[in-house]
Amino acid sequence: MNDQKEYLKDLTEIRSIMERSSRFISLSGLSGISVGIVAIISSYIFYYFQSNNLELILNSNKQVFENGFPNNYIIIIKFLLLIGLSTLFIAIAIAIFFTTRNAKKQGVSIWSKTAKNLVINMSIPLFTGGLFCFLLLINHELYLIIPSTLIFYGLSLINSSKFTVNDIRYLGFCEIALGIISMISISYSFIIWIIGFGILHIVYGTIMYLKYERKQ
């Protein structure tokens, strides 16, 4: 009986070592929760200051700009970019902080070969999506930007999921689904964006924390 227990223990340790070498398992659920909260706060700030102009963003098209830019267009875009970039940098900083802390607890390297593969595979769809959204912006197709961010973010999660926990794949599928729904229901795309980047991240982060981190 003791030999069998030792054998099972050895198998568990071998499996853990193999998993650590092939997958980056130090993603923190707390980072997901924090990023979701930041996204909701940023959305509220943007809505509070630009609620009167939100309709222009959600329902804009090329015909609106045939006679030149609306007077408030440049102001809206500058404010949108400021909020978007600030949210992005804060989210990245939070993710790095909690992930680094989690990696130290597990005694693993934060910048291993697996972590590099994770970042590369996540960055390709994100960079492509960022370029695509920029092209939408300069072509005045603002109403497609919100759905596109959800779809490309979902693709980046799915593309990188093979290098980390499988839970992130399901988050990616949900983000893509919300992006498609957002494209069908443009008038509700801002609310759907809050659900995708805010509420879903909080739910995902909570599940990750309870499933992996609380045991530690």
N, C-alpha and C. Protein backbone atom coordinates (compact mmCIF):
# COMPACT_ATOMS: atom_id res chain seq x y z
N MET A 1 0.82 -1.21 0.00
CA MET A 1 0.00 0.00 0.00
C MET A 1 0.86 1.27 0.00
N ASN A 2 1.92 1.25 0.84
CA ASN A 2 2.82 2.40 0.90
C ASN A 2 3.55 2.60 -0.42
N ASP A 3 3.94 1.46 -1.05
CA ASP A 3 4.62 1.55 -2.35
C ASP A 3 3.70 2.18 -3.39
N GLN A 4 2.44 1.82 -3.34
CA GLN A 4 1.48 2.37 -4.30
C GLN A 4 1.30 3.88 -4.10
N LYS A 5 1.26 4.30 -2.84
CA LYS A 5 1.13 5.73 -2.55
C LYS A 5 2.35 6.50 -3.03
N GLU A 6 3.54 5.93 -2.81
CA GLU A 6 4.77 6.56 -3.25
C GLU A 6 4.80 6.66 -4.78
N TYR A 7 4.31 5.59 -5.43
CA TYR A 7 4.27 5.57 -6.89
C TYR A 7 3.35 6.66 -7.43
N LEU A 8 2.18 6.80 -6.82
CA LEU A 8 1.24 7.83 -7.23
C LEU A 8 1.79 9.23 -6.97
N LYS A 9 2.50 9.38 -5.85
CA LYS A 9 3.11 10.66 -5.53
C LYS A 9 4.17 11.04 -6.56
N ASP A 10 4.98 10.05 -6.96
CA ASP A 10 6.00 10.29 -7.98
C ASP A 10 5.37 10.68 -9.31
N LEU A 11 4.29 10.00 -9.68
CA LEU A 11 3.60 10.32 -10.92
C LEU A 11 3.05 11.75 -10.89
N THR A 12 2.51 12.15 -9.75
CA THR A 12 1.98 13.50 -9.60
C THR A 12 3.07 14.55 -9.75
N GLU A 13 4.23 14.28 -9.14
CA GLU A 13 5.35 15.21 -9.25
C GLU A 13 5.88 15.30 -10.67
N ILE A 14 5.96 14.14 -11.36
CA ILE A 14 6.42 14.13 -12.75
C ILE A 14 5.46 14.92 -13.63
N ARG A 15 4.17 14.70 -13.41
CA ARG A 15 3.15 15.42 -14.19
C ARG A 15 3.25 16.92 -13.94
N SER A 16 3.48 17.31 -12.68
CA SER A 16 3.61 18.72 -12.34
C SER A 16 4.82 19.35 -13.03
N ILE A 17 5.94 18.61 -13.03
CA ILE A 17 7.16 19.11 -13.68
C ILE A 17 6.95 19.28 -15.18
N MET A 18 6.30 18.30 -15.81
CA MET A 18 6.04 18.37 -17.24
C MET A 18 5.10 19.51 -17.58
N GLU A 19 4.11 19.74 -16.72
CA GLU A 19 3.16 20.82 -16.95
C GLU A 19 3.84 22.17 -16.82
N ARG A 20 4.71 22.31 -15.83
CA ARG A 20 5.43 23.57 -15.64
C ARG A 20 6.35 23.87 -16.82
N SER A 21 6.92 22.82 -17.43
CA SER A 21 7.86 23.01 -18.53
C SER A 21 7.15 23.33 -19.84
N SER A 22 5.91 22.92 -19.99
CA SER A 22 5.20 23.10 -21.26
C SER A 22 4.13 24.18 -21.21
N ARG A 23 3.71 24.57 -20.00
CA ARG A 23 2.66 25.57 -19.85
C ARG A 23 3.04 26.61 -18.80
N PHE A 24 2.67 27.85 -19.06
CA PHE A 24 2.89 28.91 -18.09
C PHE A 24 1.67 28.95 -17.18
N ILE A 25 1.82 28.46 -15.95
CA ILE A 25 0.68 28.27 -15.05
C ILE A 25 0.65 29.30 -13.93
N SER A 26 1.36 30.41 -14.11
CA SER A 26 1.44 31.41 -13.04
C SER A 26 0.51 32.59 -13.25
N LEU A 27 -0.39 32.50 -14.24
CA LEU A 27 -1.35 33.58 -14.43
C LEU A 27 -2.19 33.74 -13.16
N SER A 28 -2.39 34.96 -12.75
CA SER A 28 -3.07 35.22 -11.48
C SER A 28 -4.54 35.59 -11.71
N GLY A 29 -5.41 34.96 -10.92
CA GLY A 29 -6.82 35.31 -10.98
C GLY A 29 -7.07 36.72 -10.48
N LEU A 30 -6.25 37.17 -9.53
CA LEU A 30 -6.41 38.52 -9.00
C LEU A 30 -6.15 39.57 -10.07
N SER A 31 -5.26 39.27 -11.01
CA SER A 31 -5.01 40.21 -12.11
C SER A 31 -6.24 40.32 -13.00
N GLY A 32 -6.91 39.19 -13.24
CA GLY A 32 -8.13 39.22 -14.04
C GLY A 32 -9.22 40.05 -13.38
N ILE A 33 -9.39 39.87 -12.07
CA ILE A 33 -10.38 40.65 -11.33
C ILE A 33 -10.05 42.14 -11.39
N SER A 34 -8.79 42.47 -11.17
CA SER A 34 -8.36 43.87 -11.17
C SER A 34 -8.53 44.52 -12.54
N VAL A 35 -8.16 43.78 -13.59
CA VAL A 35 -8.31 44.31 -14.95
C VAL A 35 -9.79 44.56 -15.26
N GLY A 36 -10.65 43.66 -14.83
CA GLY A 36 -12.08 43.85 -15.05
C GLY A 36 -12.60 45.10 -14.35
N ILE A 37 -12.15 45.34 -13.13
CA ILE A 37 -12.57 46.53 -12.39
C ILE A 37 -12.08 47.80 -13.08
N VAL A 38 -10.82 47.77 -13.54
CA VAL A 38 -10.25 48.93 -14.26
C VAL A 38 -11.05 49.21 -15.53
N ALA A 39 -11.44 48.16 -16.26
CA ALA A 39 -12.20 48.34 -17.49
C ALA A 39 -13.56 48.98 -17.21
N ILE A 40 -14.21 48.56 -16.14
CA ILE A 40 -15.52 49.12 -15.79
C ILE A 40 -15.38 50.59 -15.39
N ILE A 41 -14.36 50.91 -14.60
CA ILE A 41 -14.13 52.30 -14.20
C ILE A 41 -13.84 53.17 -15.41
N SER A 42 -13.00 52.69 -16.32
CA SER A 42 -12.66 53.45 -17.53
C SER A 42 -13.90 53.69 -18.39
N SER A 43 -14.74 52.67 -18.49
CA SER A 43 -15.97 52.79 -19.28
C SER A 43 -16.89 53.85 -18.67
N TYR A 44 -16.97 53.86 -17.34
CA TYR A 44 -17.82 54.84 -16.67
C TYR A 44 -17.29 56.25 -16.91
N ILE A 45 -15.98 56.42 -16.81
CA ILE A 45 -15.37 57.74 -17.04
C ILE A 45 -15.67 58.23 -18.44
N PHE A 46 -15.48 57.35 -19.42
CA PHE A 46 -15.74 57.74 -20.81
C PHE A 46 -17.21 58.07 -21.02
N TYR A 47 -18.08 57.23 -20.48
CA TYR A 47 -19.52 57.46 -20.65
C TYR A 47 -19.95 58.75 -19.97
N TYR A 48 -19.42 59.02 -18.80
CA TYR A 48 -19.81 60.21 -18.04
C TYR A 48 -19.44 61.49 -18.79
N PHE A 49 -18.25 61.53 -19.39
CA PHE A 49 -17.79 62.74 -20.05
C PHE A 49 -18.23 62.85 -21.51
N GLN A 50 -18.57 61.71 -22.13
CA GLN A 50 -18.89 61.74 -23.56
C GLN A 50 -20.26 61.12 -23.86
N SER A 51 -21.13 61.06 -22.89
CA SER A 51 -22.43 60.40 -23.10
C SER A 51 -23.23 61.08 -24.21
N ASN A 52 -23.09 62.38 -24.36
CA ASN A 52 -23.84 63.09 -25.40
C ASN A 52 -23.32 62.77 -26.80
N ASN A 53 -22.07 62.33 -26.89
CA ASN A 53 -21.47 62.06 -28.19
C ASN A 53 -21.32 60.57 -28.47
N LEU A 54 -21.77 59.73 -27.54
CA LEU A 54 -21.58 58.30 -27.70
C LEU A 54 -22.32 57.77 -28.93
N GLU A 55 -23.46 58.35 -29.23
CA GLU A 55 -24.24 57.92 -30.39
C GLU A 55 -23.46 58.11 -31.68
N LEU A 56 -22.63 59.16 -31.73
CA LEU A 56 -21.81 59.40 -32.92
C LEU A 56 -20.83 58.27 -33.14
N ILE A 57 -20.26 57.75 -32.06
CA ILE A 57 -19.28 56.67 -32.15
C ILE A 57 -19.95 55.36 -32.54
N LEU A 58 -21.09 55.07 -31.92
CA LEU A 58 -21.74 53.78 -32.13
C LEU A 58 -22.41 53.67 -33.49
N ASN A 59 -22.85 54.78 -34.06
CA ASN A 59 -23.61 54.73 -35.30
C ASN A 59 -22.97 55.51 -36.43
N SER A 60 -21.67 55.79 -36.30
CA SER A 60 -20.99 56.57 -37.33
C SER A 60 -20.78 55.75 -38.60
N ASN A 61 -20.67 56.43 -39.70
CA ASN A 61 -20.32 55.81 -40.98
C ASN A 61 -19.70 56.87 -41.87
N LYS A 62 -19.25 56.47 -43.04
CA LYS A 62 -18.53 57.39 -43.91
C LYS A 62 -19.39 58.56 -44.36
N GLN A 63 -20.71 58.35 -44.52
CA GLN A 63 -21.58 59.41 -44.98
C GLN A 63 -21.59 60.60 -44.02
N VAL A 64 -21.41 60.30 -42.72
CA VAL A 64 -21.41 61.37 -41.72
C VAL A 64 -20.27 62.35 -41.97
N PHE A 65 -19.18 61.86 -42.59
CA PHE A 65 -17.97 62.66 -42.73
C PHE A 65 -17.77 63.21 -44.15
N GLU A 66 -18.78 63.07 -45.00
CA GLU A 66 -18.62 63.51 -46.38
C GLU A 66 -18.39 65.01 -46.48
N ASN A 67 -18.96 65.78 -45.57
CA ASN A 67 -18.83 67.23 -45.61
C ASN A 67 -17.80 67.73 -44.59
N GLY A 68 -16.86 66.87 -44.25
CA GLY A 68 -15.83 67.23 -43.28
C GLY A 68 -16.09 66.64 -41.91
N PHE A 69 -15.16 66.84 -41.02
CA PHE A 69 -15.28 66.28 -39.68
C PHE A 69 -16.28 67.09 -38.85
N PRO A 70 -17.10 66.39 -38.06
CA PRO A 70 -17.93 67.11 -37.08
C PRO A 70 -17.01 67.84 -36.10
N ASN A 71 -17.48 68.94 -35.56
CA ASN A 71 -16.65 69.77 -34.69
C ASN A 71 -16.12 69.01 -33.48
N ASN A 72 -16.94 68.10 -32.96
CA ASN A 72 -16.53 67.40 -31.74
C ASN A 72 -15.84 66.07 -32.01
N TYR A 73 -15.61 65.74 -33.29
CA TYR A 73 -15.06 64.43 -33.63
C TYR A 73 -13.64 64.25 -33.09
N ILE A 74 -12.78 65.24 -33.34
CA ILE A 74 -11.38 65.14 -32.92
C ILE A 74 -11.28 65.05 -31.40
N ILE A 75 -12.12 65.82 -30.71
CA ILE A 75 -12.11 65.79 -29.24
C ILE A 75 -12.51 64.41 -28.73
N ILE A 76 -13.53 63.82 -29.35
CA ILE A 76 -13.99 62.49 -28.94
C ILE A 76 -12.88 61.46 -29.14
N ILE A 77 -12.24 61.51 -30.29
CA ILE A 77 -11.19 60.53 -30.62
C ILE A 77 -10.01 60.67 -29.67
N LYS A 78 -9.59 61.90 -29.39
CA LYS A 78 -8.47 62.12 -28.47
C LYS A 78 -8.80 61.59 -27.08
N PHE A 79 -10.01 61.87 -26.64
CA PHE A 79 -10.42 61.41 -25.31
C PHE A 79 -10.53 59.90 -25.27
N LEU A 80 -11.06 59.30 -26.35
CA LEU A 80 -11.18 57.85 -26.45
C LEU A 80 -9.81 57.18 -26.42
N LEU A 81 -8.86 57.74 -27.17
CA LEU A 81 -7.51 57.19 -27.20
C LEU A 81 -6.83 57.32 -25.84
N LEU A 82 -7.05 58.45 -25.18
CA LEU A 82 -6.45 58.67 -23.86
C LEU A 82 -6.97 57.64 -22.86
N ILE A 83 -8.29 57.45 -22.84
CA ILE A 83 -8.88 56.47 -21.93
C ILE A 83 -8.42 55.06 -22.29
N GLY A 84 -8.42 54.74 -23.59
CA GLY A 84 -8.04 53.40 -24.04
C GLY A 84 -6.60 53.06 -23.70
N LEU A 85 -5.68 53.97 -24.00
CA LEU A 85 -4.26 53.71 -23.74
C LEU A 85 -3.97 53.66 -22.24
N SER A 86 -4.62 54.54 -21.48
CA SER A 86 -4.43 54.53 -20.02
C SER A 86 -4.91 53.21 -19.43
N THR A 87 -6.07 52.75 -19.90
CA THR A 87 -6.61 51.47 -19.43
C THR A 87 -5.67 50.32 -19.79
N LEU A 88 -5.13 50.35 -21.01
CA LEU A 88 -4.23 49.30 -21.46
C LEU A 88 -2.97 49.24 -20.61
N PHE A 89 -2.34 50.38 -20.36
CA PHE A 89 -1.10 50.40 -19.59
C PHE A 89 -1.34 49.99 -18.14
N ILE A 90 -2.44 50.45 -17.56
CA ILE A 90 -2.76 50.08 -16.18
C ILE A 90 -3.03 48.58 -16.09
N ALA A 91 -3.78 48.05 -17.08
CA ALA A 91 -4.10 46.62 -17.09
C ALA A 91 -2.84 45.77 -17.22
N ILE A 92 -1.92 46.19 -18.10
CA ILE A 92 -0.66 45.46 -18.27
C ILE A 92 0.17 45.49 -17.00
N ALA A 93 0.24 46.66 -16.36
CA ALA A 93 1.01 46.80 -15.12
C ALA A 93 0.43 45.91 -14.02
N ILE A 94 -0.89 45.87 -13.90
CA ILE A 94 -1.55 45.03 -12.89
C ILE A 94 -1.28 43.55 -13.17
N ALA A 95 -1.42 43.15 -14.44
CA ALA A 95 -1.21 41.75 -14.81
C ALA A 95 0.22 41.32 -14.51
N ILE A 96 1.20 42.18 -14.82
CA ILE A 96 2.61 41.86 -14.56
C ILE A 96 2.86 41.73 -13.06
N PHE A 97 2.29 42.64 -12.29
CA PHE A 97 2.50 42.63 -10.84
C PHE A 97 1.99 41.33 -10.21
N PHE A 98 0.73 40.99 -10.46
CA PHE A 98 0.14 39.82 -9.82
C PHE A 98 0.74 38.52 -10.37
N THR A 99 1.04 38.49 -11.67
CA THR A 99 1.62 37.29 -12.25
C THR A 99 3.03 37.05 -11.72
N THR A 100 3.81 38.13 -11.59
CA THR A 100 5.16 38.02 -11.03
C THR A 100 5.10 37.51 -9.59
N ARG A 101 4.16 38.05 -8.83
CA ARG A 101 4.02 37.62 -7.44
C ARG A 101 3.61 36.15 -7.35
N ASN A 102 2.73 35.73 -8.25
CA ASN A 102 2.28 34.34 -8.27
C ASN A 102 3.41 33.41 -8.67
N ALA A 103 4.23 33.84 -9.64
CA ALA A 103 5.35 33.03 -10.09
C ALA A 103 6.38 32.83 -8.97
N LYS A 104 6.62 33.88 -8.19
CA LYS A 104 7.57 33.77 -7.08
C LYS A 104 7.06 32.79 -6.03
N LYS A 105 5.74 32.80 -5.78
CA LYS A 105 5.18 31.86 -4.82
C LYS A 105 5.37 30.41 -5.29
N GLN A 106 5.26 30.21 -6.61
CA GLN A 106 5.39 28.87 -7.17
C GLN A 106 6.84 28.48 -7.41
N GLY A 107 7.74 29.45 -7.29
CA GLY A 107 9.16 29.17 -7.49
C GLY A 107 9.53 28.94 -8.94
N VAL A 108 8.83 29.61 -9.86
CA VAL A 108 9.12 29.44 -11.28
C VAL A 108 9.57 30.78 -11.87
N SER A 109 10.22 30.72 -13.02
CA SER A 109 10.71 31.91 -13.69
C SER A 109 9.56 32.64 -14.38
N ILE A 110 9.54 33.96 -14.25
CA ILE A 110 8.49 34.76 -14.88
C ILE A 110 8.73 34.90 -16.37
N TRP A 111 9.98 34.74 -16.82
CA TRP A 111 10.29 34.95 -18.23
C TRP A 111 10.97 33.70 -18.80
N SER A 112 10.26 32.60 -18.73
CA SER A 112 10.76 31.33 -19.27
C SER A 112 10.46 31.25 -20.76
N LYS A 113 10.91 30.18 -21.39
CA LYS A 113 10.64 29.97 -22.81
C LYS A 113 9.14 29.86 -23.06
N THR A 114 8.44 29.19 -22.14
CA THR A 114 6.99 29.05 -22.28
C THR A 114 6.30 30.40 -22.17
N ALA A 115 6.76 31.24 -21.23
CA ALA A 115 6.17 32.57 -21.07
C ALA A 115 6.39 33.41 -22.33
N LYS A 116 7.55 33.28 -22.94
CA LYS A 116 7.83 34.01 -24.18
C LYS A 116 6.89 33.56 -25.30
N ASN A 117 6.70 32.25 -25.40
CA ASN A 117 5.77 31.73 -26.42
C ASN A 117 4.35 32.23 -26.16
N LEU A 118 3.97 32.30 -24.88
CA LEU A 118 2.65 32.81 -24.52
C LEU A 118 2.48 34.26 -24.99
N VAL A 119 3.47 35.09 -24.70
CA VAL A 119 3.40 36.51 -25.06
C VAL A 119 3.38 36.68 -26.58
N ILE A 120 4.22 35.92 -27.28
CA ILE A 120 4.29 36.04 -28.74
C ILE A 120 2.97 35.65 -29.38
N ASN A 121 2.41 34.52 -28.96
CA ASN A 121 1.16 34.03 -29.54
C ASN A 121 -0.02 34.93 -29.18
N MET A 122 0.04 35.60 -28.05
CA MET A 122 -1.02 36.54 -27.69
C MET A 122 -0.85 37.86 -28.44
N SER A 123 0.40 38.25 -28.68
CA SER A 123 0.67 39.56 -29.28
C SER A 123 0.30 39.63 -30.76
N ILE A 124 0.44 38.51 -31.47
CA ILE A 124 0.18 38.54 -32.92
C ILE A 124 -1.26 38.95 -33.23
N PRO A 125 -2.29 38.29 -32.67
CA PRO A 125 -3.66 38.75 -32.92
C PRO A 125 -3.93 40.14 -32.35
N LEU A 126 -3.32 40.48 -31.19
CA LEU A 126 -3.55 41.79 -30.60
C LEU A 126 -2.98 42.90 -31.48
N PHE A 127 -1.78 42.69 -31.99
CA PHE A 127 -1.16 43.69 -32.87
C PHE A 127 -1.96 43.84 -34.16
N THR A 128 -2.37 42.70 -34.72
CA THR A 128 -3.19 42.73 -35.93
C THR A 128 -4.51 43.45 -35.68
N GLY A 129 -5.13 43.15 -34.54
CA GLY A 129 -6.39 43.82 -34.19
C GLY A 129 -6.20 45.30 -33.96
N GLY A 130 -5.10 45.69 -33.33
CA GLY A 130 -4.83 47.11 -33.12
C GLY A 130 -4.67 47.85 -34.43
N LEU A 131 -3.95 47.25 -35.38
CA LEU A 131 -3.77 47.85 -36.70
C LEU A 131 -5.11 47.94 -37.44
N PHE A 132 -5.91 46.88 -37.33
CA PHE A 132 -7.22 46.86 -37.97
C PHE A 132 -8.13 47.95 -37.41
N CYS A 133 -8.12 48.12 -36.09
CA CYS A 133 -8.94 49.16 -35.46
C CYS A 133 -8.45 50.56 -35.86
N PHE A 134 -7.14 50.72 -36.01
CA PHE A 134 -6.60 52.01 -36.45
C PHE A 134 -7.08 52.33 -37.86
N LEU A 135 -7.10 51.33 -38.74
CA LEU A 135 -7.59 51.54 -40.09
C LEU A 135 -9.09 51.87 -40.10
N LEU A 136 -9.83 51.24 -39.20
CA LEU A 136 -11.25 51.58 -39.06
C LEU A 136 -11.41 53.04 -38.62
N LEU A 137 -10.51 53.46 -37.73
CA LEU A 137 -10.57 54.82 -37.21
C LEU A 137 -10.33 55.86 -38.30
N ILE A 138 -9.29 55.66 -39.10
CA ILE A 138 -8.96 56.65 -40.12
C ILE A 138 -9.94 56.60 -41.29
N ASN A 139 -10.69 55.49 -41.39
CA ASN A 139 -11.73 55.41 -42.42
C ASN A 139 -13.11 55.72 -41.86
N HIS A 140 -13.13 56.22 -40.63
CA HIS A 140 -14.36 56.71 -39.98
C HIS A 140 -15.40 55.62 -39.75
N GLU A 141 -14.98 54.39 -39.62
CA GLU A 141 -15.91 53.29 -39.31
C GLU A 141 -15.85 53.01 -37.81
N LEU A 142 -16.22 54.02 -37.03
CA LEU A 142 -16.06 53.92 -35.59
C LEU A 142 -16.93 52.84 -34.97
N TYR A 143 -18.08 52.60 -35.55
CA TYR A 143 -19.02 51.65 -34.96
C TYR A 143 -18.50 50.22 -34.97
N LEU A 144 -17.46 49.94 -35.77
CA LEU A 144 -16.90 48.59 -35.84
C LEU A 144 -15.73 48.37 -34.88
N ILE A 145 -15.27 49.44 -34.26
CA ILE A 145 -14.08 49.32 -33.40
C ILE A 145 -14.37 48.50 -32.15
N ILE A 146 -15.49 48.76 -31.49
CA ILE A 146 -15.81 48.04 -30.25
C ILE A 146 -15.96 46.53 -30.50
N PRO A 147 -16.75 46.11 -31.51
CA PRO A 147 -16.82 44.66 -31.77
C PRO A 147 -15.47 44.05 -32.14
N SER A 148 -14.66 44.81 -32.89
CA SER A 148 -13.36 44.29 -33.33
C SER A 148 -12.42 44.06 -32.17
N THR A 149 -12.44 44.95 -31.17
CA THR A 149 -11.56 44.76 -30.01
C THR A 149 -11.91 43.47 -29.27
N LEU A 150 -13.20 43.19 -29.14
CA LEU A 150 -13.63 41.96 -28.47
C LEU A 150 -13.22 40.72 -29.25
N ILE A 151 -13.41 40.75 -30.57
CA ILE A 151 -13.12 39.59 -31.41
C ILE A 151 -11.62 39.29 -31.44
N PHE A 152 -10.81 40.32 -31.67
CA PHE A 152 -9.36 40.09 -31.76
C PHE A 152 -8.77 39.73 -30.40
N TYR A 153 -9.32 40.27 -29.33
CA TYR A 153 -8.85 39.90 -28.00
C TYR A 153 -9.18 38.43 -27.73
N GLY A 154 -10.38 38.01 -28.11
CA GLY A 154 -10.75 36.60 -27.96
C GLY A 154 -9.83 35.69 -28.75
N LEU A 155 -9.49 36.09 -29.97
CA LEU A 155 -8.58 35.30 -30.81
C LEU A 155 -7.20 35.20 -30.17
N SER A 156 -6.74 36.28 -29.54
CA SER A 156 -5.42 36.26 -28.90
C SER A 156 -5.40 35.31 -27.71
N LEU A 157 -6.51 35.26 -26.97
CA LEU A 157 -6.60 34.35 -25.83
C LEU A 157 -6.59 32.89 -26.29
N ILE A 158 -7.35 32.60 -27.33
CA ILE A 158 -7.41 31.23 -27.84
C ILE A 158 -6.06 30.82 -28.43
N ASN A 159 -5.42 31.74 -29.14
CA ASN A 159 -4.14 31.44 -29.78
C ASN A 159 -3.03 31.17 -28.77
N SER A 160 -3.13 31.79 -27.60
CA SER A 160 -2.09 31.62 -26.58
C SER A 160 -2.44 30.57 -25.53
N SER A 161 -3.66 30.04 -25.59
CA SER A 161 -4.12 29.14 -24.53
C SER A 161 -3.34 27.83 -24.47
N LYS A 162 -2.71 27.44 -25.58
CA LYS A 162 -1.95 26.18 -25.56
C LYS A 162 -0.68 26.29 -24.73
N PHE A 163 -0.34 27.51 -24.32
CA PHE A 163 0.86 27.69 -23.50
C PHE A 163 0.53 28.03 -22.05
N THR A 164 -0.75 27.95 -21.69
CA THR A 164 -1.13 28.23 -20.30
C THR A 164 -2.35 27.39 -19.94
N VAL A 165 -3.05 27.76 -18.88
CA VAL A 165 -4.20 26.97 -18.42
C VAL A 165 -5.33 27.02 -19.46
N ASN A 166 -6.09 25.93 -19.56
CA ASN A 166 -7.15 25.84 -20.56
C ASN A 166 -8.30 26.81 -20.31
N ASP A 167 -8.43 27.29 -19.07
CA ASP A 167 -9.54 28.19 -18.73
C ASP A 167 -9.55 29.43 -19.61
N ILE A 168 -8.37 29.88 -20.02
CA ILE A 168 -8.27 31.10 -20.81
C ILE A 168 -8.89 30.92 -22.20
N ARG A 169 -8.93 29.68 -22.68
CA ARG A 169 -9.53 29.39 -23.98
C ARG A 169 -11.04 29.69 -23.95
N TYR A 170 -11.69 29.30 -22.85
CA TYR A 170 -13.14 29.53 -22.74
C TYR A 170 -13.45 31.02 -22.64
N LEU A 171 -12.58 31.77 -21.97
CA LEU A 171 -12.74 33.21 -21.93
C LEU A 171 -12.65 33.78 -23.35
N GLY A 172 -11.71 33.25 -24.14
CA GLY A 172 -11.57 33.71 -25.52
C GLY A 172 -12.81 33.46 -26.36
N PHE A 173 -13.40 32.29 -26.22
CA PHE A 173 -14.63 31.97 -26.95
C PHE A 173 -15.75 32.94 -26.57
N CYS A 174 -15.85 33.25 -25.29
CA CYS A 174 -16.89 34.17 -24.81
C CYS A 174 -16.68 35.58 -25.38
N GLU A 175 -15.42 36.02 -25.44
CA GLU A 175 -15.12 37.35 -25.98
C GLU A 175 -15.48 37.43 -27.45
N ILE A 176 -15.18 36.39 -28.21
CA ILE A 176 -15.52 36.38 -29.64
C ILE A 176 -17.03 36.40 -29.82
N ALA A 177 -17.73 35.61 -29.04
CA ALA A 177 -19.20 35.57 -29.13
C ALA A 177 -19.79 36.94 -28.83
N LEU A 178 -19.27 37.61 -27.81
CA LEU A 178 -19.76 38.95 -27.48
C LEU A 178 -19.43 39.94 -28.60
N GLY A 179 -18.27 39.78 -29.22
CA GLY A 179 -17.90 40.66 -30.33
C GLY A 179 -18.86 40.53 -31.50
N ILE A 180 -19.24 39.30 -31.82
CA ILE A 180 -20.19 39.07 -32.91
C ILE A 180 -21.56 39.64 -32.56
N ILE A 181 -22.00 39.41 -31.33
CA ILE A 181 -23.28 39.97 -30.88
C ILE A 181 -23.25 41.49 -30.93
N SER A 182 -22.11 42.06 -30.53
CA SER A 182 -21.94 43.50 -30.55
C SER A 182 -22.02 44.06 -31.96
N MET A 183 -21.51 43.31 -32.92
CA MET A 183 -21.56 43.76 -34.31
C MET A 183 -22.98 43.71 -34.87
N ILE A 184 -23.77 42.78 -34.35
CA ILE A 184 -25.17 42.68 -34.78
C ILE A 184 -26.02 43.75 -34.10
N SER A 185 -25.72 44.01 -32.82
CA SER A 185 -26.49 44.99 -32.04
C SER A 185 -25.61 46.18 -31.71
N ILE A 186 -25.36 47.03 -32.70
CA ILE A 186 -24.44 48.14 -32.55
C ILE A 186 -24.86 49.08 -31.43
N SER A 187 -26.15 49.31 -31.28
CA SER A 187 -26.63 50.25 -30.27
C SER A 187 -26.27 49.82 -28.85
N TYR A 188 -26.04 48.52 -28.66
CA TYR A 188 -25.71 47.99 -27.33
C TYR A 188 -24.24 47.60 -27.21
N SER A 189 -23.44 47.97 -28.20
CA SER A 189 -22.05 47.51 -28.24
C SER A 189 -21.23 48.04 -27.07
N PHE A 190 -21.54 49.24 -26.59
CA PHE A 190 -20.78 49.79 -25.46
C PHE A 190 -21.05 48.97 -24.20
N ILE A 191 -22.31 48.61 -23.99
CA ILE A 191 -22.66 47.78 -22.83
C ILE A 191 -22.02 46.40 -22.96
N ILE A 192 -22.04 45.85 -24.17
CA ILE A 192 -21.44 44.53 -24.40
C ILE A 192 -19.94 44.58 -24.16
N TRP A 193 -19.30 45.69 -24.53
CA TRP A 193 -17.86 45.85 -24.29
C TRP A 193 -17.58 45.80 -22.79
N ILE A 194 -18.42 46.46 -21.99
CA ILE A 194 -18.25 46.46 -20.53
C ILE A 194 -18.39 45.04 -19.99
N ILE A 195 -19.35 44.29 -20.54
CA ILE A 195 -19.54 42.90 -20.12
C ILE A 195 -18.30 42.07 -20.47
N GLY A 196 -17.78 42.26 -21.70
CA GLY A 196 -16.64 41.46 -22.16
C GLY A 196 -15.35 41.74 -21.42
N PHE A 197 -15.00 43.01 -21.31
CA PHE A 197 -13.72 43.37 -20.70
C PHE A 197 -13.82 43.62 -19.19
N GLY A 198 -15.04 43.87 -18.71
CA GLY A 198 -15.21 44.12 -17.30
C GLY A 198 -15.72 42.91 -16.54
N ILE A 199 -17.00 42.61 -16.74
CA ILE A 199 -17.64 41.55 -15.95
C ILE A 199 -17.02 40.18 -16.21
N LEU A 200 -16.77 39.84 -17.48
CA LEU A 200 -16.19 38.53 -17.80
C LEU A 200 -14.82 38.35 -17.16
N HIS A 201 -14.03 39.41 -17.14
CA HIS A 201 -12.71 39.31 -16.51
C HIS A 201 -12.83 39.07 -15.01
N ILE A 202 -13.79 39.72 -14.38
CA ILE A 202 -13.99 39.52 -12.95
C ILE A 202 -14.43 38.09 -12.67
N VAL A 203 -15.36 37.57 -13.48
CA VAL A 203 -15.82 36.19 -13.31
C VAL A 203 -14.68 35.21 -13.56
N TYR A 204 -13.93 35.42 -14.65
CA TYR A 204 -12.79 34.56 -14.99
C TYR A 204 -11.73 34.60 -13.89
N GLY A 205 -11.40 35.81 -13.42
CA GLY A 205 -10.39 35.95 -12.38
C GLY A 205 -10.80 35.27 -11.08
N THR A 206 -12.07 35.38 -10.74
CA THR A 206 -12.57 34.73 -9.52
C THR A 206 -12.46 33.22 -9.63
N ILE A 207 -12.84 32.67 -10.79
CA ILE A 207 -12.73 31.23 -11.00
C ILE A 207 -11.28 30.78 -10.92
N MET A 208 -10.39 31.53 -11.55
CA MET A 208 -8.96 31.19 -11.54
C MET A 208 -8.41 31.21 -10.11
N TYR A 209 -8.80 32.23 -9.36
CA TYR A 209 -8.30 32.35 -7.99
C TYR A 209 -8.77 31.18 -7.13
N LEU A 210 -10.06 30.88 -7.22
CA LEU A 210 -10.61 29.80 -6.40
C LEU A 210 -10.08 28.43 -6.83
N LYS A 211 -9.82 28.27 -8.12
CA LYS A 211 -9.41 26.99 -8.66
C LYS A 211 -7.93 26.70 -8.45
N TYR A 212 -7.08 27.74 -8.55
CA TYR A 212 -5.65 27.50 -8.51
C TYR A 212 -4.93 28.17 -7.32
N GLU A 213 -5.23 29.43 -7.06
CA GLU A 213 -4.43 30.20 -6.11
C GLU A 213 -4.83 29.97 -4.66
N ARG A 214 -6.12 29.79 -4.40
CA ARG A 214 -6.55 29.65 -3.01
C ARG A 214 -5.95 28.39 -2.38
N LYS A 215 -5.66 27.38 -3.20
CA LYS A 215 -5.06 26.15 -2.69
C LYS A 215 -3.66 26.39 -2.16
N GLN A 216 -3.02 27.42 -2.73
CA GLN A 216 -1.64 27.70 -2.32
C GLN A 216 -1.61 28.39 -0.94
